[in-house]
Every structure is written in structure tokens, then in C-alpha cells.
Amino acid sequence: MKAIWTAEAMRDREVIFEYVARDNPMAAIKLDECFGEAVALLATHPHLGKEGLVSGTREFIPHESYRLIYEVDADTLWILAVVHTARCWPPVRG
């Protein structure tokens, strides 16, 4: 199964990397590698994550502080967001 990062998820990933790298560049690299490894695992086992809070999505915790929000569509794994576990998910719209 191919994995595709949406523009929003890539932006999340970049923001997380930049934030962590300010204090610890090596930790940022390791965390980013963790995200990549998780997506590779999900591409092989797409139903490994639990059913998501948003209908049609799934969620996987690759690191204790972050969750990957994704969707499985035929032969494609869509990475929709990377969210800190302390953040409200799904976002409240008002």
C-alpha cells in the first residue's frame, strides 16, 4: 500500500521538527524518523491503528506525545495530520 502525506500533515511534521530542533536537533531527527517508520508500518498494516474520532479515520500513536491521523482508501494510506496528544482532537470549529 502506498502512503501519501497530505500538505496539512507535512506542515504538521515540519512544525514539530522545527519546534523540537530549537532545543535538541538530534531529538527532532529521531522523532521525524519515528514518524516515517510508523507510516511505513501502517502502509503494511493499515488497520493497526484504532478507529479515529473523526468518521472514516484511524489513529496511531508512534510516540507517546504524538498521534498520526490517517485514512485508508483502497490501496492508499492518506496521512491527514500529526497531532500532539495534549492538543484537542478533532479541532473544535466555532
C-alpha atoms as a PDB file:
ATOM      1  CA  MET A   1       0.000   0.000   0.000  1.00  0.00           C
ATOM      2  CA  LYS A   2       1.350   3.434  -0.860  1.00  0.00           C
ATOM      3  CA  ALA A   3       1.419   6.159   1.785  1.00  0.00           C
ATOM      4  CA  ILE A   4       0.774   9.791   0.901  1.00  0.00           C
ATOM      5  CA  TRP A   5       1.285  12.687   3.296  1.00  0.00           C
ATOM      6  CA  THR A   6      -1.258  15.464   2.744  1.00  0.00           C
ATOM      7  CA  ALA A   7       0.045  19.030   2.654  1.00  0.00           C
ATOM      8  CA  GLU A   8      -1.510  19.620   6.087  1.00  0.00           C
ATOM      9  CA  ALA A   9       0.208  16.577   7.592  1.00  0.00           C
ATOM     10  CA  MET A  10       3.555  17.567   6.054  1.00  0.00           C
ATOM     11  CA  ARG A  11       3.152  21.019   7.556  1.00  0.00           C
ATOM     12  CA  ASP A  12       2.413  19.459  10.964  1.00  0.00           C
ATOM     13  CA  ARG A  13       5.540  17.339  10.621  1.00  0.00           C
ATOM     14  CA  GLU A  14       7.685  20.350   9.677  1.00  0.00           C
ATOM     15  CA  VAL A  15       6.356  22.486  12.547  1.00  0.00           C
ATOM     16  CA  ILE A  16       7.035  19.681  15.042  1.00  0.00           C
ATOM     17  CA  PHE A  17      10.540  19.177  13.678  1.00  0.00           C
ATOM     18  CA  GLU A  18      11.366  22.892  13.849  1.00  0.00           C
ATOM     19  CA  TYR A  19       9.965  23.220  17.373  1.00  0.00           C
ATOM     20  CA  VAL A  20      11.888  20.246  18.781  1.00  0.00           C
ATOM     21  CA  ALA A  21      15.076  21.139  16.867  1.00  0.00           C
ATOM     22  CA  ARG A  22      15.298  24.519  18.599  1.00  0.00           C
ATOM     23  CA  ASP A  23      16.282  22.768  21.824  1.00  0.00           C
ATOM     24  CA  ASN A  24      17.527  19.407  20.590  1.00  0.00           C
ATOM     25  CA  PRO A  25      18.306  18.823  16.912  1.00  0.00           C
ATOM     26  CA  MET A  26      19.098  15.132  17.420  1.00  0.00           C
ATOM     27  CA  ALA A  27      15.765  14.551  19.157  1.00  0.00           C
ATOM     28  CA  ALA A  28      14.000  16.255  16.248  1.00  0.00           C
ATOM     29  CA  ILE A  29      15.708  13.920  13.788  1.00  0.00           C
ATOM     30  CA  LYS A  30      14.820  10.851  15.873  1.00  0.00           C
ATOM     31  CA  LEU A  31      11.207  11.968  16.228  1.00  0.00           C
ATOM     32  CA  ASP A  32      10.896  12.588  12.497  1.00  0.00           C
ATOM     33  CA  GLU A  33      12.366   9.143  11.820  1.00  0.00           C
ATOM     34  CA  CYS A  34       9.800   7.722  14.246  1.00  0.00           C
ATOM     35  CA  PHE A  35       7.004   9.271  12.180  1.00  0.00           C
ATOM     36  CA  GLY A  36       8.467   7.855   8.971  1.00  0.00           C
ATOM     37  CA  GLU A  37       8.855   4.373  10.469  1.00  0.00           C
ATOM     38  CA  ALA A  38       5.284   4.453  11.784  1.00  0.00           C
ATOM     39  CA  VAL A  39       3.925   5.332   8.349  1.00  0.00           C
ATOM     40  CA  ALA A  40       5.972   2.527   6.763  1.00  0.00           C
ATOM     41  CA  LEU A  41       4.496   0.107   9.307  1.00  0.00           C
ATOM     42  CA  LEU A  42       0.975   1.388   8.666  1.00  0.00           C
ATOM     43  CA  ALA A  43       1.476   1.009   4.911  1.00  0.00           C
ATOM     44  CA  THR A  44       1.961  -2.707   5.567  1.00  0.00           C
ATOM     45  CA  HIS A  45      -0.635  -2.995   8.364  1.00  0.00           C
ATOM     46  CA  PRO A  46      -3.139  -0.169   7.750  1.00  0.00           C
ATOM     47  CA  HIS A  47      -5.630  -1.305  10.372  1.00  0.00           C
ATOM     48  CA  LEU A  48      -3.056  -1.359  13.158  1.00  0.00           C
ATOM     49  CA  GLY A  49      -4.301   1.994  14.444  1.00  0.00           C
ATOM     50  CA  LYS A  50      -7.591   2.325  16.276  1.00  0.00           C
ATOM     51  CA  GLU A  51     -10.764   3.755  14.797  1.00  0.00           C
ATOM     52  CA  GLY A  52     -10.469   7.543  14.814  1.00  0.00           C
ATOM     53  CA  LEU A  53     -12.632  10.140  16.486  1.00  0.00           C
ATOM     54  CA  VAL A  54     -13.418  11.580  13.059  1.00  0.00           C
ATOM     55  CA  SER A  55     -15.576   9.256  10.989  1.00  0.00           C
ATOM     56  CA  GLY A  56     -13.584   7.337   8.391  1.00  0.00           C
ATOM     57  CA  THR A  57     -10.214   7.953  10.016  1.00  0.00           C
ATOM     58  CA  ARG A  58      -7.855   5.878  12.088  1.00  0.00           C
ATOM     59  CA  GLU A  59      -5.324   6.970  14.727  1.00  0.00           C
ATOM     60  CA  PHE A  60      -1.920   5.558  15.593  1.00  0.00           C
ATOM     61  CA  ILE A  61       0.420   6.612  18.400  1.00  0.00           C
ATOM     62  CA  PRO A  62       4.005   6.374  17.082  1.00  0.00           C
ATOM     63  CA  HIS A  63       5.402   8.295  20.069  1.00  0.00           C
ATOM     64  CA  GLU A  64       3.916   8.937  23.495  1.00  0.00           C
ATOM     65  CA  SER A  65       3.411  12.620  22.654  1.00  0.00           C
ATOM     66  CA  TYR A  66       2.058  12.383  19.109  1.00  0.00           C
ATOM     67  CA  ARG A  67      -0.699  10.703  17.143  1.00  0.00           C
ATOM     68  CA  LEU A  68      -0.968  10.153  13.422  1.00  0.00           C
ATOM     69  CA  ILE A  69      -4.401  10.664  11.930  1.00  0.00           C
ATOM     70  CA  TYR A  70      -4.866   8.732   8.731  1.00  0.00           C
ATOM     71  CA  GLU A  71      -7.395   7.313   6.308  1.00  0.00           C
ATOM     72  CA  VAL A  72      -7.298   4.086   4.321  1.00  0.00           C
ATOM     73  CA  ASP A  73      -8.669   4.363   0.790  1.00  0.00           C
ATOM     74  CA  ALA A  74      -8.358   1.271  -1.438  1.00  0.00           C
ATOM     75  CA  ASP A  75      -4.575   0.905  -1.927  1.00  0.00           C
ATOM     76  CA  THR A  76      -3.606   4.291  -0.440  1.00  0.00           C
ATOM     77  CA  LEU A  77      -2.835   5.320   3.127  1.00  0.00           C
ATOM     78  CA  TRP A  78      -3.521   9.061   3.460  1.00  0.00           C
ATOM     79  CA  ILE A  79      -1.680  10.729   6.353  1.00  0.00           C
ATOM     80  CA  LEU A  80      -4.004  13.573   7.329  1.00  0.00           C
ATOM     81  CA  ALA A  81      -2.421  15.091  10.446  1.00  0.00           C
ATOM     82  CA  VAL A  82       0.217  14.713  13.133  1.00  0.00           C
ATOM     83  CA  VAL A  83      -1.202  15.962  16.425  1.00  0.00           C
ATOM     84  CA  HIS A  84       0.361  16.405  19.858  1.00  0.00           C
ATOM     85  CA  THR A  85      -1.551  14.204  22.298  1.00  0.00           C
ATOM     86  CA  ALA A  86      -2.147  17.211  24.581  1.00  0.00           C
ATOM     87  CA  ARG A  87      -3.971  19.064  21.797  1.00  0.00           C
ATOM     88  CA  CYS A  88      -7.702  18.847  21.336  1.00  0.00           C
ATOM     89  CA  TRP A  89      -8.544  16.423  18.540  1.00  0.00           C
ATOM     90  CA  PRO A  90     -10.581  16.788  16.490  1.00  0.00           C
ATOM     91  CA  PRO A  91     -10.229  20.551  16.426  1.00  0.00           C
ATOM     92  CA  VAL A  92     -13.255  22.445  17.653  1.00  0.00           C
ATOM     93  CA  ARG A  93     -14.738  24.631  14.955  1.00  0.00           C
ATOM     94  CA  GLY A  94     -16.717  27.569  16.105  1.00  0.00           C
END
